[in-house]
Amino acid sequence: STGTERAEEPRARIQALIWVERESQKAIIIGHRGEALKAAASQARLEMQKLFGRRVHLEVWVKVKDSWSSDEAALASLGYGEY
């Protein structure tokens, strides 16, 4: 050992939730056999790795929540609201 090796930083663990209002929208996001979601998540993971400078473990879920986009409490929980 030359002493120049450094221990690999721990992997960042990121969890993401995508809300949609209808099952049909969920199907579009996920795609055939999950291919669309997998492609989007893989690209996002690579971009985050560049941004954070370390490996990223990304978990993504797609959930149906009726009328979430007009629910003030739901929008506020995401950081949207009056300033």
PDB file of N, CA and C in Angstrom:
ATOM      1  N   SER A   1       0.839  -1.183   0.000  1.00  0.00           N
ATOM      2  CA  SER A   1       0.000   0.000   0.000  1.00  0.00           C
ATOM      3  C   SER A   1       0.884   1.247   0.000  1.00  0.00           C
ATOM      4  N   THR A   2       0.546   2.214  -0.835  1.00  0.00           N
ATOM      5  CA  THR A   2       1.322   3.442  -0.924  1.00  0.00           C
ATOM      6  C   THR A   2       0.822   4.504   0.039  1.00  0.00           C
ATOM      7  N   GLY A   3      -0.319   4.248   0.651  1.00  0.00           N
ATOM      8  CA  GLY A   3      -0.879   5.233   1.567  1.00  0.00           C
ATOM      9  C   GLY A   3      -1.679   6.307   0.865  1.00  0.00           C
ATOM     10  N   THR A   4      -1.733   6.275  -0.477  1.00  0.00           N
ATOM     11  CA  THR A   4      -2.473   7.298  -1.206  1.00  0.00           C
ATOM     12  C   THR A   4      -3.908   6.872  -1.480  1.00  0.00           C
ATOM     13  N   GLU A   5      -4.213   5.586  -1.253  1.00  0.00           N
ATOM     14  CA  GLU A   5      -5.585   5.154  -1.472  1.00  0.00           C
ATOM     15  C   GLU A   5      -6.462   5.745  -0.383  1.00  0.00           C
ATOM     16  N   ARG A   6      -7.672   6.084  -0.728  1.00  0.00           N
ATOM     17  CA  ARG A   6      -8.589   6.574   0.290  1.00  0.00           C
ATOM     18  C   ARG A   6      -9.785   5.634   0.345  1.00  0.00           C
ATOM     19  N   ALA A   7     -10.339   5.529   1.503  1.00  0.00           N
ATOM     20  CA  ALA A   7     -11.520   4.685   1.653  1.00  0.00           C
ATOM     21  C   ALA A   7     -12.640   5.270   0.805  1.00  0.00           C
ATOM     22  N   GLU A   8     -13.363   4.408   0.127  1.00  0.00           N
ATOM     23  CA  GLU A   8     -14.470   4.872  -0.693  1.00  0.00           C
ATOM     24  C   GLU A   8     -15.542   5.475   0.200  1.00  0.00           C
ATOM     25  N   GLU A   9     -16.030   6.640  -0.204  1.00  0.00           N
ATOM     26  CA  GLU A   9     -17.084   7.289   0.568  1.00  0.00           C
ATOM     27  C   GLU A   9     -18.325   6.430   0.542  1.00  0.00           C
ATOM     28  N   PRO A  10     -19.108   6.487   1.613  1.00  0.00           N
ATOM     29  CA  PRO A  10     -20.345   5.711   1.596  1.00  0.00           C
ATOM     30  C   PRO A  10     -21.269   6.194   0.484  1.00  0.00           C
ATOM     31  N   ARG A  11     -22.010   5.273  -0.037  1.00  0.00           N
ATOM     32  CA  ARG A  11     -22.953   5.579  -1.111  1.00  0.00           C
ATOM     33  C   ARG A  11     -24.095   6.415  -0.553  1.00  0.00           C
ATOM     34  N   ALA A  12     -24.485   7.465  -1.270  1.00  0.00           N
ATOM     35  CA  ALA A  12     -25.641   8.272  -0.883  1.00  0.00           C
ATOM     36  C   ALA A  12     -26.900   7.473  -1.211  1.00  0.00           C
ATOM     37  N   ARG A  13     -27.820   7.430  -0.271  1.00  0.00           N
ATOM     38  CA  ARG A  13     -29.084   6.716  -0.497  1.00  0.00           C
ATOM     39  C   ARG A  13     -30.178   7.765  -0.649  1.00  0.00           C
ATOM     40  N   ILE A  14     -30.817   7.757  -1.807  1.00  0.00           N
ATOM     41  CA  ILE A  14     -31.847   8.746  -2.115  1.00  0.00           C
ATOM     42  C   ILE A  14     -33.120   8.009  -2.478  1.00  0.00           C
ATOM     43  N   GLN A  15     -34.222   8.464  -1.887  1.00  0.00           N
ATOM     44  CA  GLN A  15     -35.530   7.889  -2.179  1.00  0.00           C
ATOM     45  C   GLN A  15     -36.383   8.969  -2.825  1.00  0.00           C
ATOM     46  N   ALA A  16     -37.071   8.608  -3.899  1.00  0.00           N
ATOM     47  CA  ALA A  16     -37.905   9.567  -4.619  1.00  0.00           C
ATOM     48  C   ALA A  16     -39.296   8.988  -4.813  1.00  0.00           C
ATOM     49  N   LEU A  17     -40.269   9.854  -4.742  1.00  0.00           N
ATOM     50  CA  LEU A  17     -41.659   9.473  -4.944  1.00  0.00           C
ATOM     51  C   LEU A  17     -42.237  10.345  -6.046  1.00  0.00           C
ATOM     52  N   ILE A  18     -42.817   9.720  -7.037  1.00  0.00           N
ATOM     53  CA  ILE A  18     -43.477  10.443  -8.125  1.00  0.00           C
ATOM     54  C   ILE A  18     -44.975  10.254  -7.936  1.00  0.00           C
ATOM     55  N   TRP A  19     -45.681  11.365  -7.717  1.00  0.00           N
ATOM     56  CA  TRP A  19     -47.132  11.303  -7.593  1.00  0.00           C
ATOM     57  C   TRP A  19     -47.773  11.557  -8.945  1.00  0.00           C
ATOM     58  N   VAL A  20     -48.766  10.766  -9.263  1.00  0.00           N
ATOM     59  CA  VAL A  20     -49.608  10.978 -10.439  1.00  0.00           C
ATOM     60  C   VAL A  20     -51.056  10.919  -9.970  1.00  0.00           C
ATOM     61  N   GLU A  21     -51.964  11.412 -10.787  1.00  0.00           N
ATOM     62  CA  GLU A  21     -53.366  11.463 -10.367  1.00  0.00           C
ATOM     63  C   GLU A  21     -54.200  10.300 -10.873  1.00  0.00           C
ATOM     64  N   ARG A  22     -53.695   9.548 -11.852  1.00  0.00           N
ATOM     65  CA  ARG A  22     -54.477   8.441 -12.412  1.00  0.00           C
ATOM     66  C   ARG A  22     -53.580   7.241 -12.701  1.00  0.00           C
ATOM     67  N   GLU A  23     -54.170   6.063 -12.641  1.00  0.00           N
ATOM     68  CA  GLU A  23     -53.444   4.826 -12.960  1.00  0.00           C
ATOM     69  C   GLU A  23     -52.858   4.880 -14.366  1.00  0.00           C
ATOM     70  N   SER A  24     -53.586   5.511 -15.299  1.00  0.00           N
ATOM     71  CA  SER A  24     -53.084   5.586 -16.674  1.00  0.00           C
ATOM     72  C   SER A  24     -51.784   6.393 -16.734  1.00  0.00           C
ATOM     73  N   GLN A  25     -51.663   7.427 -15.894  1.00  0.00           N
ATOM     74  CA  GLN A  25     -50.433   8.218 -15.849  1.00  0.00           C
ATOM     75  C   GLN A  25     -49.299   7.385 -15.253  1.00  0.00           C
ATOM     76  N   LYS A  26     -49.627   6.594 -14.241  1.00  0.00           N
ATOM     77  CA  LYS A  26     -48.624   5.721 -13.629  1.00  0.00           C
ATOM     78  C   LYS A  26     -48.069   4.755 -14.664  1.00  0.00           C
ATOM     79  N   ALA A  27     -48.944   4.183 -15.469  1.00  0.00           N
ATOM     80  CA  ALA A  27     -48.515   3.243 -16.504  1.00  0.00           C
ATOM     81  C   ALA A  27     -47.573   3.907 -17.505  1.00  0.00           C
ATOM     82  N   ILE A  28     -47.843   5.159 -17.841  1.00  0.00           N
ATOM     83  CA  ILE A  28     -46.989   5.891 -18.781  1.00  0.00           C
ATOM     84  C   ILE A  28     -45.608   6.120 -18.170  1.00  0.00           C
ATOM     85  N   ILE A  29     -45.565   6.542 -16.910  1.00  0.00           N
ATOM     86  CA  ILE A  29     -44.284   6.820 -16.239  1.00  0.00           C
ATOM     87  C   ILE A  29     -43.448   5.548 -16.136  1.00  0.00           C
ATOM     88  N   ILE A  30     -44.100   4.436 -15.761  1.00  0.00           N
ATOM     89  CA  ILE A  30     -43.382   3.179 -15.587  1.00  0.00           C
ATOM     90  C   ILE A  30     -42.971   2.588 -16.925  1.00  0.00           C
ATOM     91  N   GLY A  31     -43.849   2.641 -17.920  1.00  0.00           N
ATOM     92  CA  GLY A  31     -43.539   2.105 -19.237  1.00  0.00           C
ATOM     93  C   GLY A  31     -43.642   0.591 -19.284  1.00  0.00           C
ATOM     94  N   HIS A  32     -43.473   0.059 -20.468  1.00  0.00           N
ATOM     95  CA  HIS A  32     -43.552  -1.384 -20.689  1.00  0.00           C
ATOM     96  C   HIS A  32     -42.444  -2.089 -19.912  1.00  0.00           C
ATOM     97  N   ARG A  33     -42.827  -3.000 -19.045  1.00  0.00           N
ATOM     98  CA  ARG A  33     -41.881  -3.760 -18.210  1.00  0.00           C
ATOM     99  C   ARG A  33     -40.967  -2.874 -17.367  1.00  0.00           C
ATOM    100  N   GLY A  34     -41.426  -1.666 -17.059  1.00  0.00           N
ATOM    101  CA  GLY A  34     -40.659  -0.765 -16.211  1.00  0.00           C
ATOM    102  C   GLY A  34     -39.515  -0.049 -16.908  1.00  0.00           C
ATOM    103  N   GLU A  35     -39.451  -0.173 -18.237  1.00  0.00           N
ATOM    104  CA  GLU A  35     -38.305   0.364 -18.971  1.00  0.00           C
ATOM    105  C   GLU A  35     -38.194   1.881 -18.909  1.00  0.00           C
ATOM    106  N   ALA A  36     -39.318   2.602 -18.982  1.00  0.00           N
ATOM    107  CA  ALA A  36     -39.259   4.070 -18.965  1.00  0.00           C
ATOM    108  C   ALA A  36     -38.783   4.574 -17.610  1.00  0.00           C
ATOM    109  N   LEU A  37     -39.315   4.020 -16.530  1.00  0.00           N
ATOM    110  CA  LEU A  37     -38.897   4.431 -15.199  1.00  0.00           C
ATOM    111  C   LEU A  37     -37.436   4.067 -14.947  1.00  0.00           C
ATOM    112  N   LYS A  38     -37.038   2.890 -15.384  1.00  0.00           N
ATOM    113  CA  LYS A  38     -35.652   2.466 -15.190  1.00  0.00           C
ATOM    114  C   LYS A  38     -34.692   3.406 -15.923  1.00  0.00           C
ATOM    115  N   ALA A  39     -35.024   3.784 -17.146  1.00  0.00           N
ATOM    116  CA  ALA A  39     -34.162   4.679 -17.919  1.00  0.00           C
ATOM    117  C   ALA A  39     -34.068   6.051 -17.256  1.00  0.00           C
ATOM    118  N   ALA A  40     -35.209   6.586 -16.814  1.00  0.00           N
ATOM    119  CA  ALA A  40     -35.210   7.898 -16.180  1.00  0.00           C
ATOM    120  C   ALA A  40     -34.438   7.865 -14.860  1.00  0.00           C
ATOM    121  N   ALA A  41     -34.647   6.814 -14.066  1.00  0.00           N
ATOM    122  CA  ALA A  41     -33.966   6.696 -12.782  1.00  0.00           C
ATOM    123  C   ALA A  41     -32.461   6.506 -12.969  1.00  0.00           C
ATOM    124  N   SER A  42     -32.069   5.743 -13.966  1.00  0.00           N
ATOM    125  CA  SER A  42     -30.638   5.541 -14.226  1.00  0.00           C
ATOM    126  C   SER A  42     -29.961   6.845 -14.621  1.00  0.00           C
ATOM    127  N   GLN A  43     -30.613   7.620 -15.477  1.00  0.00           N
ATOM    128  CA  GLN A  43     -30.057   8.906 -15.889  1.00  0.00           C
ATOM    129  C   GLN A  43     -29.975   9.858 -14.699  1.00  0.00           C
ATOM    130  N   ALA A  44     -31.025   9.881 -13.879  1.00  0.00           N
ATOM    131  CA  ALA A  44     -31.026  10.743 -12.690  1.00  0.00           C
ATOM    132  C   ALA A  44     -29.908  10.333 -11.734  1.00  0.00           C
ATOM    133  N   ARG A  45     -29.715   9.032 -11.541  1.00  0.00           N
ATOM    134  CA  ARG A  45     -28.672   8.538 -10.647  1.00  0.00           C
ATOM    135  C   ARG A  45     -27.293   8.971 -11.133  1.00  0.00           C
ATOM    136  N   LEU A  46     -27.050   8.857 -12.426  1.00  0.00           N
ATOM    137  CA  LEU A  46     -25.763   9.268 -12.984  1.00  0.00           C
ATOM    138  C   LEU A  46     -25.521  10.766 -12.793  1.00  0.00           C
ATOM    139  N   GLU A  47     -26.553  11.572 -13.007  1.00  0.00           N
ATOM    140  CA  GLU A  47     -26.423  13.020 -12.815  1.00  0.00           C
ATOM    141  C   GLU A  47     -26.159  13.355 -11.353  1.00  0.00           C
ATOM    142  N   MET A  48     -26.834  12.655 -10.438  1.00  0.00           N
ATOM    143  CA  MET A  48     -26.608  12.903  -9.011  1.00  0.00           C
ATOM    144  C   MET A  48     -25.200  12.489  -8.596  1.00  0.00           C
ATOM    145  N   GLN A  49     -24.698  11.401  -9.162  1.00  0.00           N
ATOM    146  CA  GLN A  49     -23.337  10.974  -8.853  1.00  0.00           C
ATOM    147  C   GLN A  49     -22.329  12.042  -9.254  1.00  0.00           C
ATOM    148  N   LYS A  50     -22.546  12.664 -10.411  1.00  0.00           N
ATOM    149  CA  LYS A  50     -21.674  13.759 -10.839  1.00  0.00           C
ATOM    150  C   LYS A  50     -21.785  14.933  -9.876  1.00  0.00           C
ATOM    151  N   LEU A  51     -23.004  15.270  -9.498  1.00  0.00           N
ATOM    152  CA  LEU A  51     -23.254  16.410  -8.621  1.00  0.00           C
ATOM    153  C   LEU A  51     -22.658  16.201  -7.232  1.00  0.00           C
ATOM    154  N   PHE A  52     -22.846  15.015  -6.658  1.00  0.00           N
ATOM    155  CA  PHE A  52     -22.401  14.736  -5.291  1.00  0.00           C
ATOM    156  C   PHE A  52     -20.971  14.212  -5.220  1.00  0.00           C
ATOM    157  N   GLY A  53     -20.433  13.788  -6.340  1.00  0.00           N
ATOM    158  CA  GLY A  53     -19.070  13.272  -6.353  1.00  0.00           C
ATOM    159  C   GLY A  53     -18.902  11.942  -5.650  1.00  0.00           C
ATOM    160  N   ARG A  54     -19.959  11.179  -5.593  1.00  0.00           N
ATOM    161  CA  ARG A  54     -19.883   9.838  -5.004  1.00  0.00           C
ATOM    162  C   ARG A  54     -21.010   8.975  -5.543  1.00  0.00           C
ATOM    163  N   ARG A  55     -20.929   7.690  -5.282  1.00  0.00           N
ATOM    164  CA  ARG A  55     -21.931   6.760  -5.787  1.00  0.00           C
ATOM    165  C   ARG A  55     -23.277   7.017  -5.113  1.00  0.00           C
ATOM    166  N   VAL A  56     -24.339   6.747  -5.857  1.00  0.00           N
ATOM    167  CA  VAL A  56     -25.697   7.002  -5.380  1.00  0.00           C
ATOM    168  C   VAL A  56     -26.532   5.741  -5.549  1.00  0.00           C
ATOM    169  N   HIS A  57     -27.290   5.425  -4.516  1.00  0.00           N
ATOM    170  CA  HIS A  57     -28.301   4.370  -4.592  1.00  0.00           C
ATOM    171  C   HIS A  57     -29.632   5.096  -4.638  1.00  0.00           C
ATOM    172  N   LEU A  58     -30.374   4.956  -5.729  1.00  0.00           N
ATOM    173  CA  LEU A  58     -31.627   5.683  -5.932  1.00  0.00           C
ATOM    174  C   LEU A  58     -32.785   4.708  -5.962  1.00  0.00           C
ATOM    175  N   GLU A  59     -33.777   4.959  -5.118  1.00  0.00           N
ATOM    176  CA  GLU A  59     -35.012   4.183  -5.110  1.00  0.00           C
ATOM    177  C   GLU A  59     -36.129   5.110  -5.550  1.00  0.00           C
ATOM    178  N   VAL A  60     -36.934   4.670  -6.520  1.00  0.00           N
ATOM    179  CA  VAL A  60     -38.006   5.502  -7.053  1.00  0.00           C
ATOM    180  C   VAL A  60     -39.316   4.722  -7.006  1.00  0.00           C
ATOM    181  N   TRP A  61     -40.357   5.398  -6.508  1.00  0.00           N
ATOM    182  CA  TRP A  61     -41.694   4.820  -6.500  1.00  0.00           C
ATOM    183  C   TRP A  61     -42.630   5.747  -7.253  1.00  0.00           C
ATOM    184  N   VAL A  62     -43.640   5.163  -7.882  1.00  0.00           N
ATOM    185  CA  VAL A  62     -44.699   5.925  -8.538  1.00  0.00           C
ATOM    186  C   VAL A  62     -45.994   5.562  -7.827  1.00  0.00           C
ATOM    187  N   LYS A  63     -46.686   6.570  -7.285  1.00  0.00           N
ATOM    188  CA  LYS A  63     -47.914   6.348  -6.526  1.00  0.00           C
ATOM    189  C   LYS A  63     -49.037   7.195  -7.107  1.00  0.00           C
ATOM    190  N   VAL A  64     -50.236   6.645  -7.063  1.00  0.00           N
ATOM    191  CA  VAL A  64     -51.425   7.373  -7.493  1.00  0.00           C
ATOM    192  C   VAL A  64     -52.019   8.069  -6.278  1.00  0.00           C
ATOM    193  N   LYS A  65     -52.222   9.369  -6.387  1.00  0.00           N
ATOM    194  CA  LYS A  65     -52.864  10.165  -5.324  1.00  0.00           C
ATOM    195  C   LYS A  65     -53.837  11.105  -6.008  1.00  0.00           C
ATOM    196  N   ASP A  66     -55.105  10.786  -5.900  1.00  0.00           N
ATOM    197  CA  ASP A  66     -56.147  11.569  -6.566  1.00  0.00           C
ATOM    198  C   ASP A  66     -56.060  13.046  -6.193  1.00  0.00           C
ATOM    199  N   SER A  67     -56.115  13.889  -7.191  1.00  0.00           N
ATOM    200  CA  SER A  67     -56.195  15.348  -7.047  1.00  0.00           C
ATOM    201  C   SER A  67     -55.079  15.960  -6.212  1.00  0.00           C
ATOM    202  N   TRP A  68     -53.904  15.358  -6.195  1.00  0.00           N
ATOM    203  CA  TRP A  68     -52.818  15.902  -5.390  1.00  0.00           C
ATOM    204  C   TRP A  68     -52.399  17.289  -5.861  1.00  0.00           C
ATOM    205  N   SER A  69     -52.522  17.551  -7.165  1.00  0.00           N
ATOM    206  CA  SER A  69     -52.045  18.842  -7.677  1.00  0.00           C
ATOM    207  C   SER A  69     -52.953  20.011  -7.285  1.00  0.00           C
ATOM    208  N   SER A  70     -54.145  19.729  -6.793  1.00  0.00           N
ATOM    209  CA  SER A  70     -55.018  20.800  -6.316  1.00  0.00           C
ATOM    210  C   SER A  70     -55.202  20.739  -4.797  1.00  0.00           C
ATOM    211  N   ASP A  71     -54.423  19.903  -4.127  1.00  0.00           N
ATOM    212  CA  ASP A  71     -54.478  19.750  -2.679  1.00  0.00           C
ATOM    213  C   ASP A  71     -53.411  20.654  -2.059  1.00  0.00           C
ATOM    214  N   GLU A  72     -53.852  21.732  -1.401  1.00  0.00           N
ATOM    215  CA  GLU A  72     -52.905  22.714  -0.857  1.00  0.00           C
ATOM    216  C   GLU A  72     -51.941  22.090   0.150  1.00  0.00           C
ATOM    217  N   ALA A  73     -52.419  21.178   0.983  1.00  0.00           N
ATOM    218  CA  ALA A  73     -51.545  20.530   1.972  1.00  0.00           C
ATOM    219  C   ALA A  73     -50.482  19.687   1.269  1.00  0.00           C
ATOM    220  N   ALA A  74     -50.886  18.962   0.231  1.00  0.00           N
ATOM    221  CA  ALA A  74     -49.932  18.141  -0.515  1.00  0.00           C
ATOM    222  C   ALA A  74     -48.888  19.017  -1.190  1.00  0.00           C
ATOM    223  N   LEU A  75     -49.317  20.105  -1.791  1.00  0.00           N
ATOM    224  CA  LEU A  75     -48.377  21.021  -2.444  1.00  0.00           C
ATOM    225  C   LEU A  75     -47.444  21.672  -1.425  1.00  0.00           C
ATOM    226  N   ALA A  76     -47.978  22.045  -0.270  1.00  0.00           N
ATOM    227  CA  ALA A  76     -47.145  22.653   0.774  1.00  0.00           C
ATOM    228  C   ALA A  76     -46.093  21.663   1.263  1.00  0.00           C
ATOM    229  N   SER A  77     -46.444  20.371   1.337  1.00  0.00           N
ATOM    230  CA  SER A  77     -45.474  19.365   1.790  1.00  0.00           C
ATOM    231  C   SER A  77     -44.321  19.211   0.808  1.00  0.00           C
ATOM    232  N   LEU A  78     -44.527  19.636  -0.429  1.00  0.00           N
ATOM    233  CA  LEU A  78     -43.499  19.587  -1.455  1.00  0.00           C
ATOM    234  C   LEU A  78     -42.749  20.902  -1.589  1.00  0.00           C
ATOM    235  N   GLY A  79     -43.110  21.877  -0.745  1.00  0.00           N
ATOM    236  CA  GLY A  79     -42.409  23.154  -0.773  1.00  0.00           C
ATOM    237  C   GLY A  79     -43.072  24.213  -1.644  1.00  0.00           C
ATOM    238  N   TYR A  80     -44.234  23.900  -2.179  1.00  0.00           N
ATOM    239  CA  TYR A  80     -44.958  24.884  -2.990  1.00  0.00           C
ATOM    240  C   TYR A  80     -45.948  25.619  -2.108  1.00  0.00           C
ATOM    241  N   GLY A  81     -46.082  26.890  -2.338  1.00  0.00           N
ATOM    242  CA  GLY A  81     -47.039  27.680  -1.570  1.00  0.00           C
ATOM    243  C   GLY A  81     -46.780  29.141  -1.774  1.00  0.00           C
ATOM    244  N   GLU A  82     -47.491  29.942  -1.028  1.00  0.00           N
ATOM    245  CA  GLU A  82     -47.335  31.395  -1.126  1.00  0.00           C
ATOM    246  C   GLU A  82     -46.073  31.814  -0.393  1.00  0.00           C
ATOM    247  N   TYR A  83     -45.383  32.797  -0.955  1.00  0.00           N
ATOM    248  CA  TYR A  83     -44.164  33.316  -0.329  1.00  0.00           C
ATOM    249  C   TYR A  83     -44.339  34.770  -0.020  1.00  0.00           C
TER     250      TYR A  83
END
